[in-house]
Every structure is written in C-alpha cells, then in structure tokens.
Amino acid sequence: MSEMPDPDLRQASEFVAAAGLDVGEFSGTEVVGTIDAGAGHHTPWGVVHGGLYATAVETACSIGASAAVGPDGMFAVGLSNHTDFIRAHRTGTLGVVARPVHQGRTGQLWQCDITREDGKLVAQGRVRLQNVPIPKG
C-alpha cells in the first residue's frame, strides 16, 4: 500500500508553496497551521487576496481528509470549495484550522477557519472531497 505524501508544503507545487501555509499538526480529524501573510499575498489594493484563503482552505482540508483515508490506501480530492471572505487582512500571522463535518466511505466534507492573531475570523470555507485509491507506482 502506498503512503500519503508528507504535507511539508515546501515540496509542493510553486503555487501551493507560494501560499505559505505551514502545517504544524495534522491528522484525519484536524489540521492546524499558520500563514505569515504579507505584501507577497496582496491584491493591488494592499489587502490579502481571496485566492490565498481559498488555497489554504483547500490545502488544509485535503491534507486532513487524505490523512483520514490514507491507511485504507486512499487519498481525497476536492470536488467543491466554498470559501467566504469575512474581513480584510493586510499583514500578520493567520491561524488555519480544518476539521471534518462528515466522513463517509466515499466522500467527506471539511470546514476550515482562518483567523487573525486576535482570534477574529478572516475567512471560512468548506470543501467536499471524494476518497479515491492512491495510484500504484
């Protein structure tokens, strides 16, 4: 049986790595990480681009969902991502926490909260994922 790849996102694609999500802890029931948001993540108007939040939500939920089914020789792929942008953010550390809402045999639903250092919610998303076999080889 193949294993789930290490979620060290510095080894991910340039796109995912550029988001800057640092995963501190992960399991099939929770993913916890941080993003040091700054000018490299900004829109032309000086606030963090919503694509950063959608990417962080998708990544954190995919890691957790894949960890949940990895022992069964599977990983999870996103089918839909709905991310709401709650308030603008410019710079500073963002906390990222993803947890399952539902985990089934063929699919999962995860929710992810992104908060700033004072605990206020900046973005929140849900990702629906399908469990699929890890390709052999």
N, C-alpha and C. Protein backbone atom coordinates (compact mmCIF):
# COMPACT_ATOMS: atom_id res chain seq x y z
N MET A 1 0.85 -1.18 0.00
CA MET A 1 0.00 0.00 0.00
C MET A 1 0.89 1.24 0.00
N SER A 2 0.56 2.21 -0.83
CA SER A 2 1.29 3.47 -0.89
C SER A 2 0.94 4.33 0.30
N GLU A 3 1.83 5.26 0.63
CA GLU A 3 1.59 6.16 1.75
C GLU A 3 1.24 7.54 1.23
N MET A 4 0.53 8.28 2.09
CA MET A 4 0.21 9.67 1.76
C MET A 4 1.50 10.48 1.78
N PRO A 5 1.68 11.39 0.82
CA PRO A 5 2.87 12.23 0.82
C PRO A 5 2.96 13.08 2.08
N ASP A 6 4.17 13.39 2.48
CA ASP A 6 4.42 14.27 3.62
C ASP A 6 3.82 15.64 3.31
N PRO A 7 3.05 16.22 4.25
CA PRO A 7 2.43 17.52 3.96
C PRO A 7 3.37 18.70 4.17
N ASP A 8 4.68 18.49 3.99
CA ASP A 8 5.63 19.60 4.01
C ASP A 8 5.43 20.35 2.70
N LEU A 9 4.71 21.45 2.78
CA LEU A 9 4.28 22.13 1.56
C LEU A 9 5.41 22.87 0.86
N ARG A 10 6.60 22.89 1.43
CA ARG A 10 7.74 23.46 0.72
C ARG A 10 8.12 22.58 -0.47
N GLN A 11 7.67 21.32 -0.44
CA GLN A 11 7.93 20.39 -1.53
C GLN A 11 6.79 20.35 -2.54
N ALA A 12 5.75 21.14 -2.31
CA ALA A 12 4.58 21.16 -3.18
C ALA A 12 4.86 21.98 -4.44
N SER A 13 3.84 22.11 -5.27
CA SER A 13 3.98 22.94 -6.47
C SER A 13 4.30 24.37 -6.05
N GLU A 14 4.82 25.14 -6.99
CA GLU A 14 5.13 26.55 -6.70
C GLU A 14 3.89 27.30 -6.25
N PHE A 15 2.75 26.99 -6.85
CA PHE A 15 1.50 27.65 -6.49
C PHE A 15 1.15 27.41 -5.03
N VAL A 16 1.12 26.15 -4.61
CA VAL A 16 0.75 25.82 -3.23
C VAL A 16 1.81 26.35 -2.27
N ALA A 17 3.08 26.19 -2.60
CA ALA A 17 4.15 26.68 -1.72
C ALA A 17 4.07 28.19 -1.54
N ALA A 18 3.70 28.92 -2.59
CA ALA A 18 3.64 30.38 -2.51
C ALA A 18 2.58 30.86 -1.52
N ALA A 19 1.57 30.05 -1.26
CA ALA A 19 0.55 30.43 -0.28
C ALA A 19 1.16 30.55 1.11
N GLY A 20 2.19 29.77 1.38
CA GLY A 20 2.90 29.90 2.65
C GLY A 20 2.26 29.20 3.83
N LEU A 21 1.36 28.26 3.59
CA LEU A 21 0.76 27.52 4.70
C LEU A 21 1.80 26.62 5.34
N ASP A 22 2.01 26.80 6.62
CA ASP A 22 2.93 25.97 7.40
C ASP A 22 2.07 25.06 8.27
N VAL A 23 2.03 23.77 7.95
CA VAL A 23 1.21 22.81 8.70
C VAL A 23 1.99 22.37 9.93
N GLY A 24 1.44 22.71 11.10
CA GLY A 24 2.09 22.34 12.35
C GLY A 24 1.71 20.95 12.80
N GLU A 25 0.42 20.63 12.72
CA GLU A 25 -0.10 19.33 13.13
C GLU A 25 -1.17 18.90 12.15
N PHE A 26 -1.25 17.59 11.91
CA PHE A 26 -2.33 17.09 11.06
C PHE A 26 -2.68 15.67 11.44
N SER A 27 -3.95 15.36 11.27
CA SER A 27 -4.46 14.01 11.45
C SER A 27 -5.73 13.91 10.61
N GLY A 28 -6.39 12.79 10.69
CA GLY A 28 -7.63 12.60 9.97
C GLY A 28 -8.81 13.29 10.62
N THR A 29 -8.55 14.00 11.74
CA THR A 29 -9.63 14.72 12.41
C THR A 29 -9.33 16.19 12.64
N GLU A 30 -8.11 16.63 12.32
CA GLU A 30 -7.80 18.05 12.48
C GLU A 30 -6.48 18.39 11.80
N VAL A 31 -6.46 19.57 11.19
CA VAL A 31 -5.24 20.12 10.61
C VAL A 31 -5.08 21.52 11.19
N VAL A 32 -3.88 21.80 11.71
CA VAL A 32 -3.60 23.10 12.31
C VAL A 32 -2.35 23.67 11.66
N GLY A 33 -2.43 24.92 11.23
CA GLY A 33 -1.28 25.55 10.61
C GLY A 33 -1.34 27.06 10.72
N THR A 34 -0.37 27.70 10.10
CA THR A 34 -0.31 29.16 10.08
C THR A 34 0.16 29.65 8.72
N ILE A 35 -0.16 30.90 8.44
CA ILE A 35 0.33 31.59 7.26
C ILE A 35 0.83 32.95 7.73
N ASP A 36 2.05 33.31 7.39
CA ASP A 36 2.56 34.65 7.66
C ASP A 36 2.21 35.52 6.46
N ALA A 37 1.05 36.14 6.54
CA ALA A 37 0.54 36.93 5.41
C ALA A 37 1.26 38.26 5.32
N GLY A 38 1.51 38.68 4.09
CA GLY A 38 2.19 39.95 3.89
C GLY A 38 2.02 40.44 2.46
N ALA A 39 2.86 41.37 2.08
CA ALA A 39 2.76 42.04 0.78
C ALA A 39 2.78 41.07 -0.39
N GLY A 40 3.46 39.95 -0.28
CA GLY A 40 3.50 38.97 -1.35
C GLY A 40 2.17 38.30 -1.62
N HIS A 41 1.21 38.47 -0.71
CA HIS A 41 -0.12 37.90 -0.86
C HIS A 41 -1.18 38.94 -1.21
N HIS A 42 -0.76 40.18 -1.42
CA HIS A 42 -1.71 41.28 -1.59
C HIS A 42 -2.30 41.42 -2.99
N THR A 43 -3.49 41.99 -3.01
CA THR A 43 -4.09 42.48 -4.25
C THR A 43 -3.41 43.81 -4.56
N PRO A 44 -3.69 44.41 -5.71
CA PRO A 44 -3.12 45.74 -5.98
C PRO A 44 -3.59 46.81 -4.99
N TRP A 45 -4.62 46.50 -4.18
CA TRP A 45 -5.15 47.48 -3.23
C TRP A 45 -4.64 47.28 -1.81
N GLY A 46 -3.67 46.39 -1.66
CA GLY A 46 -2.97 46.27 -0.38
C GLY A 46 -3.59 45.37 0.67
N VAL A 47 -4.52 44.51 0.28
CA VAL A 47 -5.08 43.53 1.22
C VAL A 47 -4.81 42.13 0.68
N VAL A 48 -4.87 41.14 1.58
CA VAL A 48 -4.62 39.76 1.18
C VAL A 48 -5.66 39.32 0.15
N HIS A 49 -5.20 38.71 -0.91
CA HIS A 49 -6.04 38.22 -2.00
C HIS A 49 -6.88 37.04 -1.51
N GLY A 50 -8.16 37.02 -1.89
CA GLY A 50 -9.05 35.93 -1.50
C GLY A 50 -8.58 34.57 -1.98
N GLY A 51 -7.79 34.54 -3.04
CA GLY A 51 -7.26 33.27 -3.52
C GLY A 51 -6.34 32.60 -2.51
N LEU A 52 -5.70 33.39 -1.68
CA LEU A 52 -4.87 32.81 -0.62
C LEU A 52 -5.74 32.02 0.34
N TYR A 53 -6.88 32.61 0.72
CA TYR A 53 -7.77 31.92 1.65
C TYR A 53 -8.33 30.65 1.04
N ALA A 54 -8.78 30.72 -0.21
CA ALA A 54 -9.33 29.54 -0.88
C ALA A 54 -8.28 28.44 -1.01
N THR A 55 -7.04 28.83 -1.29
CA THR A 55 -5.96 27.86 -1.41
C THR A 55 -5.65 27.22 -0.06
N ALA A 56 -5.60 28.02 0.99
CA ALA A 56 -5.32 27.49 2.33
C ALA A 56 -6.44 26.54 2.77
N VAL A 57 -7.69 26.91 2.51
CA VAL A 57 -8.83 26.07 2.86
C VAL A 57 -8.74 24.73 2.13
N GLU A 58 -8.54 24.78 0.83
CA GLU A 58 -8.45 23.56 0.02
C GLU A 58 -7.29 22.68 0.48
N THR A 59 -6.15 23.29 0.73
CA THR A 59 -4.97 22.53 1.12
C THR A 59 -5.15 21.88 2.47
N ALA A 60 -5.58 22.64 3.47
CA ALA A 60 -5.75 22.09 4.82
C ALA A 60 -6.79 20.97 4.84
N CYS A 61 -7.92 21.20 4.18
CA CYS A 61 -8.97 20.18 4.16
C CYS A 61 -8.50 18.92 3.42
N SER A 62 -7.78 19.09 2.33
CA SER A 62 -7.28 17.94 1.56
C SER A 62 -6.28 17.12 2.36
N ILE A 63 -5.43 17.79 3.12
CA ILE A 63 -4.45 17.07 3.95
C ILE A 63 -5.17 16.24 5.00
N GLY A 64 -6.12 16.85 5.71
CA GLY A 64 -6.84 16.12 6.74
C GLY A 64 -7.67 14.98 6.19
N ALA A 65 -8.39 15.24 5.11
CA ALA A 65 -9.22 14.19 4.52
C ALA A 65 -8.37 13.04 3.99
N SER A 66 -7.21 13.37 3.42
CA SER A 66 -6.31 12.32 2.92
C SER A 66 -5.70 11.53 4.07
N ALA A 67 -5.38 12.21 5.16
CA ALA A 67 -4.85 11.50 6.34
C ALA A 67 -5.89 10.53 6.89
N ALA A 68 -7.17 10.91 6.80
CA ALA A 68 -8.23 10.05 7.32
C ALA A 68 -8.36 8.74 6.55
N VAL A 69 -8.14 8.79 5.24
CA VAL A 69 -8.33 7.58 4.43
C VAL A 69 -7.02 6.96 3.96
N GLY A 70 -5.89 7.59 4.27
CA GLY A 70 -4.58 7.07 3.88
C GLY A 70 -4.34 5.63 4.32
N PRO A 71 -4.70 5.26 5.55
CA PRO A 71 -4.48 3.87 5.97
C PRO A 71 -5.23 2.84 5.13
N ASP A 72 -6.26 3.29 4.40
CA ASP A 72 -7.02 2.40 3.53
C ASP A 72 -6.50 2.42 2.09
N GLY A 73 -5.32 3.04 1.87
CA GLY A 73 -4.75 3.11 0.53
C GLY A 73 -5.43 4.12 -0.36
N MET A 74 -5.99 5.16 0.27
CA MET A 74 -6.73 6.17 -0.48
C MET A 74 -6.22 7.57 -0.16
N PHE A 75 -6.64 8.54 -0.96
CA PHE A 75 -6.44 9.94 -0.66
C PHE A 75 -7.70 10.66 -1.09
N ALA A 76 -7.81 11.94 -0.73
CA ALA A 76 -9.04 12.68 -1.01
C ALA A 76 -8.76 13.79 -2.02
N VAL A 77 -9.67 13.94 -2.97
CA VAL A 77 -9.57 15.01 -3.96
C VAL A 77 -10.78 15.93 -3.82
N GLY A 78 -10.54 17.21 -3.95
CA GLY A 78 -11.60 18.20 -3.79
C GLY A 78 -12.59 18.16 -4.94
N LEU A 79 -13.86 18.23 -4.60
CA LEU A 79 -14.93 18.32 -5.59
C LEU A 79 -15.53 19.72 -5.63
N SER A 80 -15.56 20.38 -4.48
CA SER A 80 -16.04 21.75 -4.44
C SER A 80 -15.39 22.47 -3.26
N ASN A 81 -15.23 23.77 -3.43
CA ASN A 81 -14.63 24.62 -2.39
C ASN A 81 -15.48 25.88 -2.34
N HIS A 82 -16.08 26.12 -1.20
CA HIS A 82 -16.83 27.36 -0.99
C HIS A 82 -16.16 28.11 0.15
N THR A 83 -15.50 29.21 -0.18
CA THR A 83 -14.78 29.99 0.82
C THR A 83 -15.38 31.39 0.89
N ASP A 84 -15.76 31.78 2.11
CA ASP A 84 -16.27 33.12 2.36
C ASP A 84 -15.15 33.98 2.94
N PHE A 85 -15.04 35.19 2.44
CA PHE A 85 -14.05 36.15 2.93
C PHE A 85 -14.78 37.07 3.89
N ILE A 86 -14.44 36.99 5.17
CA ILE A 86 -15.20 37.67 6.22
C ILE A 86 -14.71 39.10 6.44
N ARG A 87 -13.39 39.28 6.58
CA ARG A 87 -12.86 40.63 6.78
C ARG A 87 -11.49 40.74 6.13
N ALA A 88 -11.14 41.96 5.76
CA ALA A 88 -9.86 42.21 5.11
C ALA A 88 -8.70 42.02 6.10
N HIS A 89 -7.56 41.63 5.56
CA HIS A 89 -6.35 41.44 6.36
C HIS A 89 -5.17 41.93 5.52
N ARG A 90 -4.21 42.57 6.17
CA ARG A 90 -3.04 43.07 5.45
C ARG A 90 -1.78 42.27 5.76
N THR A 91 -1.35 42.26 7.01
CA THR A 91 -0.13 41.54 7.37
C THR A 91 -0.30 40.90 8.75
N GLY A 92 0.47 39.88 8.97
CA GLY A 92 0.46 39.20 10.27
C GLY A 92 0.10 37.74 10.12
N THR A 93 0.33 37.01 11.19
CA THR A 93 0.11 35.58 11.19
C THR A 93 -1.38 35.26 11.21
N LEU A 94 -1.76 34.33 10.36
CA LEU A 94 -3.13 33.82 10.30
C LEU A 94 -3.12 32.37 10.78
N GLY A 95 -4.06 32.04 11.64
CA GLY A 95 -4.22 30.66 12.08
C GLY A 95 -5.17 29.93 11.15
N VAL A 96 -4.85 28.69 10.83
CA VAL A 96 -5.65 27.86 9.93
C VAL A 96 -6.00 26.57 10.67
N VAL A 97 -7.30 26.29 10.82
CA VAL A 97 -7.74 25.07 11.48
C VAL A 97 -8.84 24.43 10.64
N ALA A 98 -8.62 23.17 10.26
CA ALA A 98 -9.61 22.43 9.47
C ALA A 98 -10.04 21.19 10.24
N ARG A 99 -11.36 20.92 10.20
CA ARG A 99 -11.93 19.76 10.88
C ARG A 99 -13.04 19.16 10.01
N PRO A 100 -13.25 17.85 10.13
CA PRO A 100 -14.31 17.23 9.34
C PRO A 100 -15.70 17.58 9.86
N VAL A 101 -16.63 17.75 8.93
CA VAL A 101 -18.04 17.89 9.24
C VAL A 101 -18.70 16.52 9.06
N HIS A 102 -18.25 15.79 8.04
CA HIS A 102 -18.75 14.45 7.74
C HIS A 102 -17.62 13.65 7.08
N GLN A 103 -17.48 12.40 7.52
CA GLN A 103 -16.52 11.50 6.90
C GLN A 103 -17.23 10.20 6.56
N GLY A 104 -17.37 9.94 5.27
CA GLY A 104 -18.05 8.74 4.81
C GLY A 104 -17.11 7.82 4.06
N ARG A 105 -17.65 6.73 3.58
CA ARG A 105 -16.86 5.73 2.87
C ARG A 105 -16.32 6.27 1.55
N THR A 106 -17.14 7.05 0.82
CA THR A 106 -16.71 7.54 -0.50
C THR A 106 -16.44 9.04 -0.54
N GLY A 107 -16.90 9.77 0.47
CA GLY A 107 -16.72 11.21 0.44
C GLY A 107 -16.63 11.82 1.83
N GLN A 108 -16.15 13.06 1.85
CA GLN A 108 -16.00 13.78 3.10
C GLN A 108 -16.37 15.25 2.89
N LEU A 109 -16.74 15.90 3.98
CA LEU A 109 -16.97 17.34 3.99
C LEU A 109 -16.16 17.91 5.15
N TRP A 110 -15.30 18.88 4.84
CA TRP A 110 -14.46 19.50 5.85
C TRP A 110 -14.73 21.00 5.90
N GLN A 111 -14.53 21.59 7.08
CA GLN A 111 -14.64 23.04 7.26
C GLN A 111 -13.31 23.57 7.77
N CYS A 112 -12.96 24.76 7.32
CA CYS A 112 -11.69 25.39 7.71
C CYS A 112 -11.94 26.84 8.11
N ASP A 113 -11.43 27.21 9.27
CA ASP A 113 -11.49 28.58 9.75
C ASP A 113 -10.10 29.21 9.66
N ILE A 114 -10.05 30.44 9.17
CA ILE A 114 -8.80 31.20 9.12
C ILE A 114 -9.01 32.43 9.99
N THR A 115 -8.18 32.56 11.01
CA THR A 115 -8.32 33.66 11.98
C THR A 115 -7.04 34.46 12.09
N ARG A 116 -7.20 35.72 12.46
CA ARG A 116 -6.01 36.54 12.71
C ARG A 116 -5.59 36.35 14.17
N GLU A 117 -4.50 36.99 14.56
CA GLU A 117 -3.91 36.75 15.87
C GLU A 117 -4.83 37.11 17.04
N ASP A 118 -5.76 38.03 16.85
CA ASP A 118 -6.69 38.39 17.93
C ASP A 118 -7.89 37.45 17.98
N GLY A 119 -7.89 36.39 17.15
CA GLY A 119 -8.95 35.41 17.17
C GLY A 119 -10.12 35.71 16.26
N LYS A 120 -10.14 36.88 15.63
CA LYS A 120 -11.25 37.23 14.76
C LYS A 120 -11.16 36.45 13.44
N LEU A 121 -12.33 36.00 12.97
CA LEU A 121 -12.43 35.23 11.76
C LEU A 121 -12.17 36.11 10.53
N VAL A 122 -11.27 35.65 9.67
CA VAL A 122 -10.94 36.37 8.44
C VAL A 122 -11.61 35.68 7.24
N ALA A 123 -11.61 34.36 7.25
CA ALA A 123 -12.23 33.59 6.17
C ALA A 123 -12.66 32.24 6.72
N GLN A 124 -13.65 31.66 6.04
CA GLN A 124 -14.12 30.33 6.42
C GLN A 124 -14.54 29.61 5.16
N GLY A 125 -14.17 28.34 5.08
CA GLY A 125 -14.52 27.59 3.89
C GLY A 125 -14.90 26.16 4.19
N ARG A 126 -15.60 25.57 3.23
CA ARG A 126 -15.95 24.15 3.27
C ARG A 126 -15.52 23.52 1.96
N VAL A 127 -14.96 22.33 2.09
CA VAL A 127 -14.52 21.58 0.91
C VAL A 127 -15.18 20.20 0.95
N ARG A 128 -15.83 19.85 -0.15
CA ARG A 128 -16.37 18.50 -0.32
C ARG A 128 -15.33 17.71 -1.10
N LEU A 129 -15.01 16.52 -0.61
CA LEU A 129 -13.94 15.72 -1.20
C LEU A 129 -14.42 14.29 -1.48
N GLN A 130 -13.80 13.69 -2.47
CA GLN A 130 -14.06 12.28 -2.81
C GLN A 130 -12.84 11.47 -2.44
N ASN A 131 -13.06 10.32 -1.83
CA ASN A 131 -11.98 9.39 -1.48
C ASN A 131 -11.69 8.50 -2.70
N VAL A 132 -10.43 8.49 -3.13
CA VAL A 132 -10.04 7.71 -4.30
C VAL A 132 -8.78 6.91 -3.99
N PRO A 133 -8.57 5.78 -4.69
CA PRO A 133 -7.37 4.98 -4.44
C PRO A 133 -6.09 5.73 -4.81
N ILE A 134 -5.05 5.54 -4.01
CA ILE A 134 -3.74 6.10 -4.33
C ILE A 134 -3.20 5.34 -5.54
N PRO A 135 -2.76 6.05 -6.60
CA PRO A 135 -2.22 5.37 -7.77
C PRO A 135 -0.99 4.53 -7.39
N LYS A 136 -0.91 3.37 -7.94
CA LYS A 136 0.24 2.48 -7.68
C LYS A 136 1.39 2.87 -8.59
N GLY A 137 2.59 2.78 -8.04
CA GLY A 137 3.76 3.02 -8.87
C GLY A 137 4.42 4.26 -8.67
